Amino acid sequence: MKLKILKNTVFKDRPIQSNQVAYNRKISAYLGTEFEIETYNFVGNNHIKVTFKDPRPRNHNTWYVFLPHVEIIEGDDLGNSTKPNQADISKLEVDSSLEWIWPMKGTSMGSR
């Protein structure tokens, strides 16, 4: 199973807005990047909890990511992708009062 980045985003150590997370507790992930993952779960606040396979981002196996910025690709067939359906998304909380800030210094995964 893979996690594909659909929009530049941030992996965080908890499911909150990235501007509320210290720079050393998050890491950037860029559009088009794919990661091998073991599991994912919906956790609320419009986030999913992802358990990564090796190589793991910043050597941590578990991160949270903003749900609309990713796609789950299941199985060996890369055409078999899973995007959350509207019912799943409507169950999640969204705090529209918080503003997205990009880029954030100190969160890069390295050169692309």
PDB file of N, CA and C in Angstrom:
ATOM      1  N   MET A   1       0.849  -1.163   0.000  1.00  0.00           N
ATOM      2  CA  MET A   1       0.000   0.000   0.000  1.00  0.00           C
ATOM      3  C   MET A   1       0.903   1.238   0.000  1.00  0.00           C
ATOM      4  N   LYS A   2       0.459   2.273  -0.693  1.00  0.00           N
ATOM      5  CA  LYS A   2       1.252   3.497  -0.799  1.00  0.00           C
ATOM      6  C   LYS A   2       0.425   4.718  -0.416  1.00  0.00           C
ATOM      7  N   LEU A   3       1.123   5.739   0.021  1.00  0.00           N
ATOM      8  CA  LEU A   3       0.542   7.047   0.279  1.00  0.00           C
ATOM      9  C   LEU A   3       1.126   7.992  -0.759  1.00  0.00           C
ATOM     10  N   LYS A   4       0.273   8.609  -1.566  1.00  0.00           N
ATOM     11  CA  LYS A   4       0.725   9.539  -2.601  1.00  0.00           C
ATOM     12  C   LYS A   4       0.350  10.957  -2.186  1.00  0.00           C
ATOM     13  N   ILE A   5       1.311  11.874  -2.298  1.00  0.00           N
ATOM     14  CA  ILE A   5       1.085  13.265  -1.946  1.00  0.00           C
ATOM     15  C   ILE A   5       0.448  13.980  -3.139  1.00  0.00           C
ATOM     16  N   LEU A   6      -0.752  14.544  -2.939  1.00  0.00           N
ATOM     17  CA  LEU A   6      -1.479  15.236  -3.996  1.00  0.00           C
ATOM     18  C   LEU A   6      -1.236  16.736  -3.986  1.00  0.00           C
ATOM     19  N   LYS A   7      -0.759  17.249  -2.860  1.00  0.00           N
ATOM     20  CA  LYS A   7      -0.483  18.675  -2.687  1.00  0.00           C
ATOM     21  C   LYS A   7       0.597  18.792  -1.624  1.00  0.00           C
ATOM     22  N   ASN A   8       1.539  19.731  -1.801  1.00  0.00           N
ATOM     23  CA  ASN A   8       2.575  19.905  -0.783  1.00  0.00           C
ATOM     24  C   ASN A   8       1.923  19.933   0.595  1.00  0.00           C
ATOM     25  N   THR A   9       2.480  19.156   1.521  1.00  0.00           N
ATOM     26  CA  THR A   9       1.868  18.999   2.833  1.00  0.00           C
ATOM     27  C   THR A   9       2.932  18.775   3.894  1.00  0.00           C
ATOM     28  N   VAL A  10       2.492  18.478   5.093  1.00  0.00           N
ATOM     29  CA  VAL A  10       3.400  18.291   6.220  1.00  0.00           C
ATOM     30  C   VAL A  10       2.980  17.051   6.997  1.00  0.00           C
ATOM     31  N   PHE A  11       3.956  16.186   7.324  1.00  0.00           N
ATOM     32  CA  PHE A  11       3.723  15.096   8.261  1.00  0.00           C
ATOM     33  C   PHE A  11       3.993  15.655   9.643  1.00  0.00           C
ATOM     34  N   LYS A  12       3.101  15.347  10.599  1.00  0.00           N
ATOM     35  CA  LYS A  12       3.199  15.914  11.940  1.00  0.00           C
ATOM     36  C   LYS A  12       3.091  14.805  12.976  1.00  0.00           C
ATOM     37  N   ASP A  13       3.498  15.116  14.204  1.00  0.00           N
ATOM     38  CA  ASP A  13       3.426  14.120  15.268  1.00  0.00           C
ATOM     39  C   ASP A  13       2.076  14.097  15.982  1.00  0.00           C
ATOM     40  N   ARG A  14       1.145  14.962  15.562  1.00  0.00           N
ATOM     41  CA  ARG A  14      -0.215  14.968  16.100  1.00  0.00           C
ATOM     42  C   ARG A  14      -1.156  15.603  15.085  1.00  0.00           C
ATOM     43  N   PRO A  15      -2.436  15.303  15.165  1.00  0.00           N
ATOM     44  CA  PRO A  15      -3.387  15.734  14.129  1.00  0.00           C
ATOM     45  C   PRO A  15      -3.947  17.142  14.349  1.00  0.00           C
ATOM     46  N   ILE A  16      -3.076  18.125  14.244  1.00  0.00           N
ATOM     47  CA  ILE A  16      -3.488  19.520  14.375  1.00  0.00           C
ATOM     48  C   ILE A  16      -2.883  20.324  13.230  1.00  0.00           C
ATOM     49  N   GLN A  17      -3.268  21.586  13.117  1.00  0.00           N
ATOM     50  CA  GLN A  17      -2.722  22.452  12.076  1.00  0.00           C
ATOM     51  C   GLN A  17      -1.199  22.506  12.193  1.00  0.00           C
ATOM     52  N   SER A  18      -0.514  22.453  11.065  1.00  0.00           N
ATOM     53  CA  SER A  18       0.953  22.410  11.077  1.00  0.00           C
ATOM     54  C   SER A  18       1.578  23.670  11.669  1.00  0.00           C
ATOM     55  N   ASN A  19       0.875  24.809  11.600  1.00  0.00           N
ATOM     56  CA  ASN A  19       1.455  26.017  12.179  1.00  0.00           C
ATOM     57  C   ASN A  19       1.390  26.008  13.707  1.00  0.00           C
ATOM     58  N   GLN A  20       0.762  25.001  14.279  1.00  0.00           N
ATOM     59  CA  GLN A  20       0.712  24.839  15.722  1.00  0.00           C
ATOM     60  C   GLN A  20       1.712  23.799  16.216  1.00  0.00           C
ATOM     61  N   VAL A  21       2.498  23.235  15.304  1.00  0.00           N
ATOM     62  CA  VAL A  21       3.456  22.181  15.637  1.00  0.00           C
ATOM     63  C   VAL A  21       4.869  22.744  15.529  1.00  0.00           C
ATOM     64  N   ALA A  22       5.716  22.459  16.508  1.00  0.00           N
ATOM     65  CA  ALA A  22       7.108  22.914  16.482  1.00  0.00           C
ATOM     66  C   ALA A  22       7.818  22.373  15.245  1.00  0.00           C
ATOM     67  N   TYR A  23       8.743  23.142  14.693  1.00  0.00           N
ATOM     68  CA  TYR A  23       9.411  22.768  13.441  1.00  0.00           C
ATOM     69  C   TYR A  23      10.113  21.420  13.532  1.00  0.00           C
ATOM     70  N   ASN A  24      10.589  21.036  14.714  1.00  0.00           N
ATOM     71  CA  ASN A  24      11.310  19.763  14.846  1.00  0.00           C
ATOM     72  C   ASN A  24      10.355  18.584  15.064  1.00  0.00           C
ATOM     73  N   ARG A  25       9.044  18.828  15.003  1.00  0.00           N
ATOM     74  CA  ARG A  25       8.051  17.775  15.178  1.00  0.00           C
ATOM     75  C   ARG A  25       7.197  17.597  13.927  1.00  0.00           C
ATOM     76  N   LYS A  26       7.722  18.092  12.783  1.00  0.00           N
ATOM     77  CA  LYS A  26       7.024  17.966  11.513  1.00  0.00           C
ATOM     78  C   LYS A  26       8.049  17.901  10.384  1.00  0.00           C
ATOM     79  N   ILE A  27       7.566  17.467   9.223  1.00  0.00           N
ATOM     80  CA  ILE A  27       8.456  17.324   8.076  1.00  0.00           C
ATOM     81  C   ILE A  27       7.632  17.527   6.797  1.00  0.00           C
ATOM     82  N   SER A  28       8.187  18.223   5.829  1.00  0.00           N
ATOM     83  CA  SER A  28       7.478  18.494   4.579  1.00  0.00           C
ATOM     84  C   SER A  28       7.454  17.272   3.672  1.00  0.00           C
ATOM     85  N   ALA A  29       6.372  17.162   2.916  1.00  0.00           N
ATOM     86  CA  ALA A  29       6.235  16.131   1.890  1.00  0.00           C
ATOM     87  C   ALA A  29       5.721  16.831   0.633  1.00  0.00           C
ATOM     88  N   TYR A  30       6.317  16.500  -0.504  1.00  0.00           N
ATOM     89  CA  TYR A  30       6.073  17.255  -1.728  1.00  0.00           C
ATOM     90  C   TYR A  30       5.188  16.528  -2.729  1.00  0.00           C
ATOM     91  N   LEU A  31       4.454  17.320  -3.495  1.00  0.00           N
ATOM     92  CA  LEU A  31       3.548  16.850  -4.538  1.00  0.00           C
ATOM     93  C   LEU A  31       4.178  15.730  -5.359  1.00  0.00           C
ATOM     94  N   GLY A  32       3.444  14.635  -5.527  1.00  0.00           N
ATOM     95  CA  GLY A  32       3.888  13.523  -6.369  1.00  0.00           C
ATOM     96  C   GLY A  32       4.717  12.472  -5.665  1.00  0.00           C
ATOM     97  N   THR A  33       5.212  12.753  -4.464  1.00  0.00           N
ATOM     98  CA  THR A  33       6.020  11.782  -3.728  1.00  0.00           C
ATOM     99  C   THR A  33       5.124  10.641  -3.250  1.00  0.00           C
ATOM    100  N   GLU A  34       5.657   9.422  -3.315  1.00  0.00           N
ATOM    101  CA  GLU A  34       4.933   8.254  -2.833  1.00  0.00           C
ATOM    102  C   GLU A  34       5.731   7.571  -1.747  1.00  0.00           C
ATOM    103  N   PHE A  35       5.031   7.080  -0.729  1.00  0.00           N
ATOM    104  CA  PHE A  35       5.646   6.391   0.398  1.00  0.00           C
ATOM    105  C   PHE A  35       4.979   5.040   0.583  1.00  0.00           C
ATOM    106  N   GLU A  36       5.770   4.018   0.908  1.00  0.00           N
ATOM    107  CA  GLU A  36       5.222   2.712   1.267  1.00  0.00           C
ATOM    108  C   GLU A  36       4.687   2.812   2.689  1.00  0.00           C
ATOM    109  N   ILE A  37       3.440   2.355   2.875  1.00  0.00           N
ATOM    110  CA  ILE A  37       2.845   2.416   4.206  1.00  0.00           C
ATOM    111  C   ILE A  37       2.293   1.059   4.616  1.00  0.00           C
ATOM    112  N   GLU A  38       2.189   0.848   5.924  1.00  0.00           N
ATOM    113  CA  GLU A  38       1.608  -0.375   6.465  1.00  0.00           C
ATOM    114  C   GLU A  38       0.121  -0.204   6.730  1.00  0.00           C
ATOM    115  N   THR A  39      -0.243   0.895   7.413  1.00  0.00           N
ATOM    116  CA  THR A  39      -1.638   1.130   7.778  1.00  0.00           C
ATOM    117  C   THR A  39      -1.955   2.608   7.749  1.00  0.00           C
ATOM    118  N   TYR A  40      -3.275   2.900   7.742  1.00  0.00           N
ATOM    119  CA  TYR A  40      -3.744   4.265   7.927  1.00  0.00           C
ATOM    120  C   TYR A  40      -5.098   4.213   8.614  1.00  0.00           C
ATOM    121  N   ASN A  41      -5.398   5.237   9.401  1.00  0.00           N
ATOM    122  CA  ASN A  41      -6.670   5.319  10.115  1.00  0.00           C
ATOM    123  C   ASN A  41      -7.156   6.753  10.133  1.00  0.00           C
ATOM    124  N   PHE A  42      -8.463   6.940  10.017  1.00  0.00           N
ATOM    125  CA  PHE A  42      -9.050   8.261  10.158  1.00  0.00           C
ATOM    126  C   PHE A  42      -9.061   8.603  11.643  1.00  0.00           C
ATOM    127  N   VAL A  43      -8.572   9.793  11.993  1.00  0.00           N
ATOM    128  CA  VAL A  43      -8.464  10.160  13.409  1.00  0.00           C
ATOM    129  C   VAL A  43      -9.212  11.432  13.765  1.00  0.00           C
ATOM    130  N   GLY A  44      -9.910  12.030  12.830  1.00  0.00           N
ATOM    131  CA  GLY A  44     -10.634  13.263  13.106  1.00  0.00           C
ATOM    132  C   GLY A  44      -9.805  14.483  12.790  1.00  0.00           C
ATOM    133  N   ASN A  45     -10.402  15.641  12.950  1.00  0.00           N
ATOM    134  CA  ASN A  45      -9.742  16.913  12.645  1.00  0.00           C
ATOM    135  C   ASN A  45      -9.189  16.931  11.221  1.00  0.00           C
ATOM    136  N   ASN A  46      -9.863  16.175  10.317  1.00  0.00           N
ATOM    137  CA  ASN A  46      -9.494  16.116   8.896  1.00  0.00           C
ATOM    138  C   ASN A  46      -8.099  15.539   8.668  1.00  0.00           C
ATOM    139  N   HIS A  47      -7.661  14.602   9.511  1.00  0.00           N
ATOM    140  CA  HIS A  47      -6.343  13.984   9.425  1.00  0.00           C
ATOM    141  C   HIS A  47      -6.462  12.458   9.414  1.00  0.00           C
ATOM    142  N   ILE A  48      -5.402  11.824   8.898  1.00  0.00           N
ATOM    143  CA  ILE A  48      -5.254  10.385   9.039  1.00  0.00           C
ATOM    144  C   ILE A  48      -3.920  10.103   9.723  1.00  0.00           C
ATOM    145  N   LYS A  49      -3.890   8.992  10.453  1.00  0.00           N
ATOM    146  CA  LYS A  49      -2.668   8.514  11.099  1.00  0.00           C
ATOM    147  C   LYS A  49      -2.091   7.444  10.184  1.00  0.00           C
ATOM    148  N   VAL A  50      -0.821   7.606   9.808  1.00  0.00           N
ATOM    149  CA  VAL A  50      -0.191   6.710   8.838  1.00  0.00           C
ATOM    150  C   VAL A  50       1.018   6.034   9.485  1.00  0.00           C
ATOM    151  N   THR A  51       1.109   4.711   9.313  1.00  0.00           N
ATOM    152  CA  THR A  51       2.283   3.962   9.742  1.00  0.00           C
ATOM    153  C   THR A  51       3.080   3.614   8.496  1.00  0.00           C
ATOM    154  N   PHE A  52       4.325   4.099   8.431  1.00  0.00           N
ATOM    155  CA  PHE A  52       5.177   3.952   7.256  1.00  0.00           C
ATOM    156  C   PHE A  52       6.050   2.712   7.333  1.00  0.00           C
ATOM    157  N   LYS A  53       6.399   2.185   6.154  1.00  0.00           N
ATOM    158  CA  LYS A  53       7.414   1.135   6.034  1.00  0.00           C
ATOM    159  C   LYS A  53       8.760   1.818   5.797  1.00  0.00           C
ATOM    160  N   ASP A  54       9.842   1.063   5.904  1.00  0.00           N
ATOM    161  CA  ASP A  54      11.174   1.607   5.613  1.00  0.00           C
ATOM    162  C   ASP A  54      11.310   1.920   4.141  1.00  0.00           C
ATOM    163  N   PRO A  55      12.003   2.977   3.755  1.00  0.00           N
ATOM    164  CA  PRO A  55      12.594   4.004   4.628  1.00  0.00           C
ATOM    165  C   PRO A  55      11.511   4.945   5.138  1.00  0.00           C
ATOM    166  N   ARG A  56      11.564   5.258   6.411  1.00  0.00           N
ATOM    167  CA  ARG A  56      10.553   6.075   7.062  1.00  0.00           C
ATOM    168  C   ARG A  56      10.981   7.536   7.106  1.00  0.00           C
ATOM    169  N   PRO A  57      10.031   8.442   6.932  1.00  0.00           N
ATOM    170  CA  PRO A  57      10.373   9.873   7.027  1.00  0.00           C
ATOM    171  C   PRO A  57      10.937  10.210   8.404  1.00  0.00           C
ATOM    172  N   ARG A  58      12.140  10.771   8.421  1.00  0.00           N
ATOM    173  CA  ARG A  58      12.845  11.168   9.628  1.00  0.00           C
ATOM    174  C   ARG A  58      12.916  10.032  10.656  1.00  0.00           C
ATOM    175  N   ASN A  59      12.973   8.796  10.161  1.00  0.00           N
ATOM    176  CA  ASN A  59      13.092   7.593  10.982  1.00  0.00           C
ATOM    177  C   ASN A  59      11.981   7.408  12.007  1.00  0.00           C
ATOM    178  N   HIS A  60      10.824   8.013  11.780  1.00  0.00           N
ATOM    179  CA  HIS A  60       9.647   7.780  12.612  1.00  0.00           C
ATOM    180  C   HIS A  60       8.668   6.955  11.792  1.00  0.00           C
ATOM    181  N   ASN A  61       8.081   5.946  12.410  1.00  0.00           N
ATOM    182  CA  ASN A  61       7.174   5.121  11.618  1.00  0.00           C
ATOM    183  C   ASN A  61       5.739   5.636  11.606  1.00  0.00           C
ATOM    184  N   THR A  62       5.358   6.527  12.521  1.00  0.00           N
ATOM    185  CA  THR A  62       3.978   7.016  12.562  1.00  0.00           C
ATOM    186  C   THR A  62       3.933   8.531  12.462  1.00  0.00           C
ATOM    187  N   TRP A  63       3.104   9.023  11.531  1.00  0.00           N
ATOM    188  CA  TRP A  63       2.891  10.451  11.340  1.00  0.00           C
ATOM    189  C   TRP A  63       1.410  10.698  11.079  1.00  0.00           C
ATOM    190  N   TYR A  64       0.992  11.937  11.264  1.00  0.00           N
ATOM    191  CA  TYR A  64      -0.351  12.379  10.907  1.00  0.00           C
ATOM    192  C   TYR A  64      -0.236  13.281   9.684  1.00  0.00           C
ATOM    193  N   VAL A  65      -1.252  13.229   8.813  1.00  0.00           N
ATOM    194  CA  VAL A  65      -1.231  14.039   7.597  1.00  0.00           C
ATOM    195  C   VAL A  65      -2.643  14.529   7.298  1.00  0.00           C
ATOM    196  N   PHE A  66      -2.717  15.719   6.722  1.00  0.00           N
ATOM    197  CA  PHE A  66      -3.987  16.345   6.362  1.00  0.00           C
ATOM    198  C   PHE A  66      -4.622  15.556   5.228  1.00  0.00           C
ATOM    199  N   LEU A  67      -5.816  15.039   5.471  1.00  0.00           N
ATOM    200  CA  LEU A  67      -6.478  14.107   4.573  1.00  0.00           C
ATOM    201  C   LEU A  67      -6.645  14.579   3.126  1.00  0.00           C
ATOM    202  N   PRO A  68      -7.084  15.810   2.858  1.00  0.00           N
ATOM    203  CA  PRO A  68      -7.275  16.221   1.459  1.00  0.00           C
ATOM    204  C   PRO A  68      -5.981  16.319   0.631  1.00  0.00           C
ATOM    205  N   HIS A  69      -4.831  16.237   1.267  1.00  0.00           N
ATOM    206  CA  HIS A  69      -3.562  16.371   0.556  1.00  0.00           C
ATOM    207  C   HIS A  69      -2.966  15.044   0.111  1.00  0.00           C
ATOM    208  N   VAL A  70      -3.636  13.917   0.398  1.00  0.00           N
ATOM    209  CA  VAL A  70      -3.054  12.611   0.094  1.00  0.00           C
ATOM    210  C   VAL A  70      -4.055  11.678  -0.561  1.00  0.00           C
ATOM    211  N   GLU A  71      -3.511  10.613  -1.131  1.00  0.00           N
ATOM    212  CA  GLU A  71      -4.300   9.537  -1.732  1.00  0.00           C
ATOM    213  C   GLU A  71      -3.668   8.221  -1.307  1.00  0.00           C
ATOM    214  N   ILE A  72      -4.482   7.241  -0.964  1.00  0.00           N
ATOM    215  CA  ILE A  72      -3.995   5.910  -0.613  1.00  0.00           C
ATOM    216  C   ILE A  72      -4.085   5.028  -1.845  1.00  0.00           C
ATOM    217  N   ILE A  73      -2.991   4.379  -2.200  1.00  0.00           N
ATOM    218  CA  ILE A  73      -2.952   3.447  -3.328  1.00  0.00           C
ATOM    219  C   ILE A  73      -2.788   2.059  -2.727  1.00  0.00           C
ATOM    220  N   GLU A  74      -3.804   1.237  -2.910  1.00  0.00           N
ATOM    221  CA  GLU A  74      -3.804  -0.080  -2.289  1.00  0.00           C
ATOM    222  C   GLU A  74      -3.396  -1.157  -3.279  1.00  0.00           C
ATOM    223  N   GLY A  75      -2.722  -2.192  -2.782  1.00  0.00           N
ATOM    224  CA  GLY A  75      -2.356  -3.344  -3.581  1.00  0.00           C
ATOM    225  C   GLY A  75      -1.235  -3.065  -4.561  1.00  0.00           C
ATOM    226  N   ASP A  76      -0.992  -4.046  -5.440  1.00  0.00           N
ATOM    227  CA  ASP A  76       0.067  -3.935  -6.434  1.00  0.00           C
ATOM    228  C   ASP A  76      -0.378  -3.151  -7.656  1.00  0.00           C
ATOM    229  N   ASP A  77      -1.689  -3.022  -7.840  1.00  0.00           N
ATOM    230  CA  ASP A  77      -2.231  -2.312  -8.991  1.00  0.00           C
ATOM    231  C   ASP A  77      -2.266  -0.818  -8.694  1.00  0.00           C
ATOM    232  N   LEU A  78      -1.360  -0.046  -9.307  1.00  0.00           N
ATOM    233  CA  LEU A  78      -1.289   1.378  -9.037  1.00  0.00           C
ATOM    234  C   LEU A  78      -2.534   2.114  -9.482  1.00  0.00           C
ATOM    235  N   GLY A  79      -3.366   1.495 -10.300  1.00  0.00           N
ATOM    236  CA  GLY A  79      -4.604   2.123 -10.713  1.00  0.00           C
ATOM    237  C   GLY A  79      -5.716   1.972  -9.679  1.00  0.00           C
ATOM    238  N   ASN A  80      -5.493   1.151  -8.664  1.00  0.00           N
ATOM    239  CA  ASN A  80      -6.496   0.909  -7.632  1.00  0.00           C
ATOM    240  C   ASN A  80      -6.240   1.838  -6.457  1.00  0.00           C
ATOM    241  N   SER A  81      -6.751   3.061  -6.545  1.00  0.00           N
ATOM    242  CA  SER A  81      -6.500   4.025  -5.475  1.00  0.00           C
ATOM    243  C   SER A  81      -7.753   4.265  -4.664  1.00  0.00           C
ATOM    244  N   THR A  82      -7.544   4.668  -3.436  1.00  0.00           N
ATOM    245  CA  THR A  82      -8.643   4.937  -2.529  1.00  0.00           C
ATOM    246  C   THR A  82      -8.566   6.373  -2.062  1.00  0.00           C
ATOM    247  N   LYS A  83      -9.607   7.117  -2.360  1.00  0.00           N
ATOM    248  CA  LYS A  83      -9.745   8.458  -1.812  1.00  0.00           C
ATOM    249  C   LYS A  83     -10.925   8.385  -0.860  1.00  0.00           C
ATOM    250  N   PRO A  84     -10.862   9.107   0.236  1.00  0.00           N
ATOM    251  CA  PRO A  84     -11.971   9.065   1.185  1.00  0.00           C
ATOM    252  C   PRO A  84     -13.273   9.493   0.504  1.00  0.00           C
ATOM    253  N   ASN A  85     -14.359   8.773   0.785  1.00  0.00           N
ATOM    254  CA  ASN A  85     -15.631   9.174   0.198  1.00  0.00           C
ATOM    255  C   ASN A  85     -16.230  10.327   1.002  1.00  0.00           C
ATOM    256  N   GLN A  86     -17.259  10.940   0.462  1.00  0.00           N
ATOM    257  CA  GLN A  86     -17.840  12.129   1.090  1.00  0.00           C
ATOM    258  C   GLN A  86     -18.347  11.826   2.493  1.00  0.00           C
ATOM    259  N   ALA A  87     -18.862  10.609   2.739  1.00  0.00           N
ATOM    260  CA  ALA A  87     -19.362  10.252   4.066  1.00  0.00           C
ATOM    261  C   ALA A  87     -18.228  10.266   5.089  1.00  0.00           C
ATOM    262  N   ASP A  88     -17.043   9.743   4.703  1.00  0.00           N
ATOM    263  CA  ASP A  88     -15.896   9.762   5.605  1.00  0.00           C
ATOM    264  C   ASP A  88     -15.466  11.192   5.901  1.00  0.00           C
ATOM    265  N   ILE A  89     -15.410  12.026   4.870  1.00  0.00           N
ATOM    266  CA  ILE A  89     -14.955  13.404   5.034  1.00  0.00           C
ATOM    267  C   ILE A  89     -15.939  14.188   5.893  1.00  0.00           C
ATOM    268  N   SER A  90     -17.235  13.955   5.715  1.00  0.00           N
ATOM    269  CA  SER A  90     -18.230  14.722   6.467  1.00  0.00           C
ATOM    270  C   SER A  90     -18.193  14.392   7.954  1.00  0.00           C
ATOM    271  N   LYS A  91     -17.629  13.240   8.338  1.00  0.00           N
ATOM    272  CA  LYS A  91     -17.513  12.874   9.748  1.00  0.00           C
ATOM    273  C   LYS A  91     -16.363  13.601  10.433  1.00  0.00           C
ATOM    274  N   LEU A  92     -15.440  14.144   9.648  1.00  0.00           N
ATOM    275  CA  LEU A  92     -14.254  14.771  10.206  1.00  0.00           C
ATOM    276  C   LEU A  92     -14.509  16.232  10.533  1.00  0.00           C
ATOM    277  N   GLU A  93     -13.833  16.699  11.560  1.00  0.00           N
ATOM    278  CA  GLU A  93     -13.954  18.090  11.959  1.00  0.00           C
ATOM    279  C   GLU A  93     -13.023  18.938  11.113  1.00  0.00           C
ATOM    280  N   VAL A  94     -13.477  20.122  10.737  1.00  0.00           N
ATOM    281  CA  VAL A  94     -12.644  21.037   9.971  1.00  0.00           C
ATOM    282  C   VAL A  94     -12.654  22.382  10.679  1.00  0.00           C
ATOM    283  N   ASP A  95     -11.479  22.905  10.954  1.00  0.00           N
ATOM    284  CA  ASP A  95     -11.367  24.222  11.564  1.00  0.00           C
ATOM    285  C   ASP A  95     -10.991  25.201  10.461  1.00  0.00           C
ATOM    286  N   SER A  96     -11.982  25.835   9.862  1.00  0.00           N
ATOM    287  CA  SER A  96     -11.746  26.725   8.729  1.00  0.00           C
ATOM    288  C   SER A  96     -11.198  28.080   9.147  1.00  0.00           C
ATOM    289  N   SER A  97     -11.086  28.324  10.455  1.00  0.00           N
ATOM    290  CA  SER A  97     -10.574  29.619  10.906  1.00  0.00           C
ATOM    291  C   SER A  97      -9.054  29.679  10.850  1.00  0.00           C
ATOM    292  N   LEU A  98      -8.395  28.524  10.701  1.00  0.00           N
ATOM    293  CA  LEU A  98      -6.936  28.495  10.672  1.00  0.00           C
ATOM    294  C   LEU A  98      -6.437  28.615   9.244  1.00  0.00           C
ATOM    295  N   GLU A  99      -5.384  29.355   9.057  1.00  0.00           N
ATOM    296  CA  GLU A  99      -4.853  29.635   7.729  1.00  0.00           C
ATOM    297  C   GLU A  99      -3.630  28.768   7.457  1.00  0.00           C
ATOM    298  N   TRP A 100      -3.517  28.256   6.239  1.00  0.00           N
ATOM    299  CA  TRP A 100      -2.354  27.464   5.822  1.00  0.00           C
ATOM    300  C   TRP A 100      -1.194  28.395   5.502  1.00  0.00           C
ATOM    301  N   ILE A 101      -0.022  28.090   6.035  1.00  0.00           N
ATOM    302  CA  ILE A 101       1.161  28.912   5.787  1.00  0.00           C
ATOM    303  C   ILE A 101       2.205  28.041   5.110  1.00  0.00           C
ATOM    304  N   TRP A 102       2.722  28.496   3.972  1.00  0.00           N
ATOM    305  CA  TRP A 102       3.730  27.724   3.221  1.00  0.00           C
ATOM    306  C   TRP A 102       4.700  28.676   2.587  1.00  0.00           C
ATOM    307  N   PRO A 103       5.981  28.439   2.488  1.00  0.00           N
ATOM    308  CA  PRO A 103       6.673  27.292   3.066  1.00  0.00           C
ATOM    309  C   PRO A 103       7.020  27.529   4.534  1.00  0.00           C
ATOM    310  N   MET A 104       7.299  26.442   5.202  1.00  0.00           N
ATOM    311  CA  MET A 104       7.714  26.523   6.594  1.00  0.00           C
ATOM    312  C   MET A 104       9.188  26.192   6.678  1.00  0.00           C
ATOM    313  N   LYS A 105       9.932  27.006   7.345  1.00  0.00           N
ATOM    314  CA  LYS A 105      11.372  26.777   7.456  1.00  0.00           C
ATOM    315  C   LYS A 105      11.656  25.628   8.406  1.00  0.00           C
ATOM    316  N   GLY A 106      12.712  24.877   8.108  1.00  0.00           N
ATOM    317  CA  GLY A 106      13.156  23.819   8.993  1.00  0.00           C
ATOM    318  C   GLY A 106      12.361  22.535   8.903  1.00  0.00           C
ATOM    319  N   THR A 107      11.554  22.347   7.845  1.00  0.00           N
ATOM    320  CA  THR A 107      10.748  21.131   7.754  1.00  0.00           C
ATOM    321  C   THR A 107      11.048  20.314   6.489  1.00  0.00           C
ATOM    322  N   SER A 108      12.059  20.672   5.752  1.00  0.00           N
ATOM    323  CA  SER A 108      12.315  20.032   4.469  1.00  0.00           C
ATOM    324  C   SER A 108      12.782  18.592   4.619  1.00  0.00           C
ATOM    325  N   MET A 109      12.385  17.773   3.671  1.00  0.00           N
ATOM    326  CA  MET A 109      12.852  16.382   3.620  1.00  0.00           C
ATOM    327  C   MET A 109      14.140  16.296   2.806  1.00  0.00           C
ATOM    328  N   GLY A 110      14.673  17.418   2.416  1.00  0.00           N
ATOM    329  CA  GLY A 110      15.889  17.421   1.622  1.00  0.00           C
ATOM    330  C   GLY A 110      15.609  17.877   0.202  1.00  0.00           C
ATOM    331  N   SER A 111      16.639  17.854  -0.610  1.00  0.00           N
ATOM    332  CA  SER A 111      16.455  18.308  -1.986  1.00  0.00           C
ATOM    333  C   SER A 111      15.584  17.338  -2.754  1.00  0.00           C
ATOM    334  N   ARG A 112      14.847  17.886  -3.709  1.00  0.00           N
ATOM    335  CA  ARG A 112      13.921  17.057  -4.470  1.00  0.00           C
ATOM    336  C   ARG A 112      14.564  16.613  -5.756  1.00  0.00           C
TER     337      ARG A 112
END
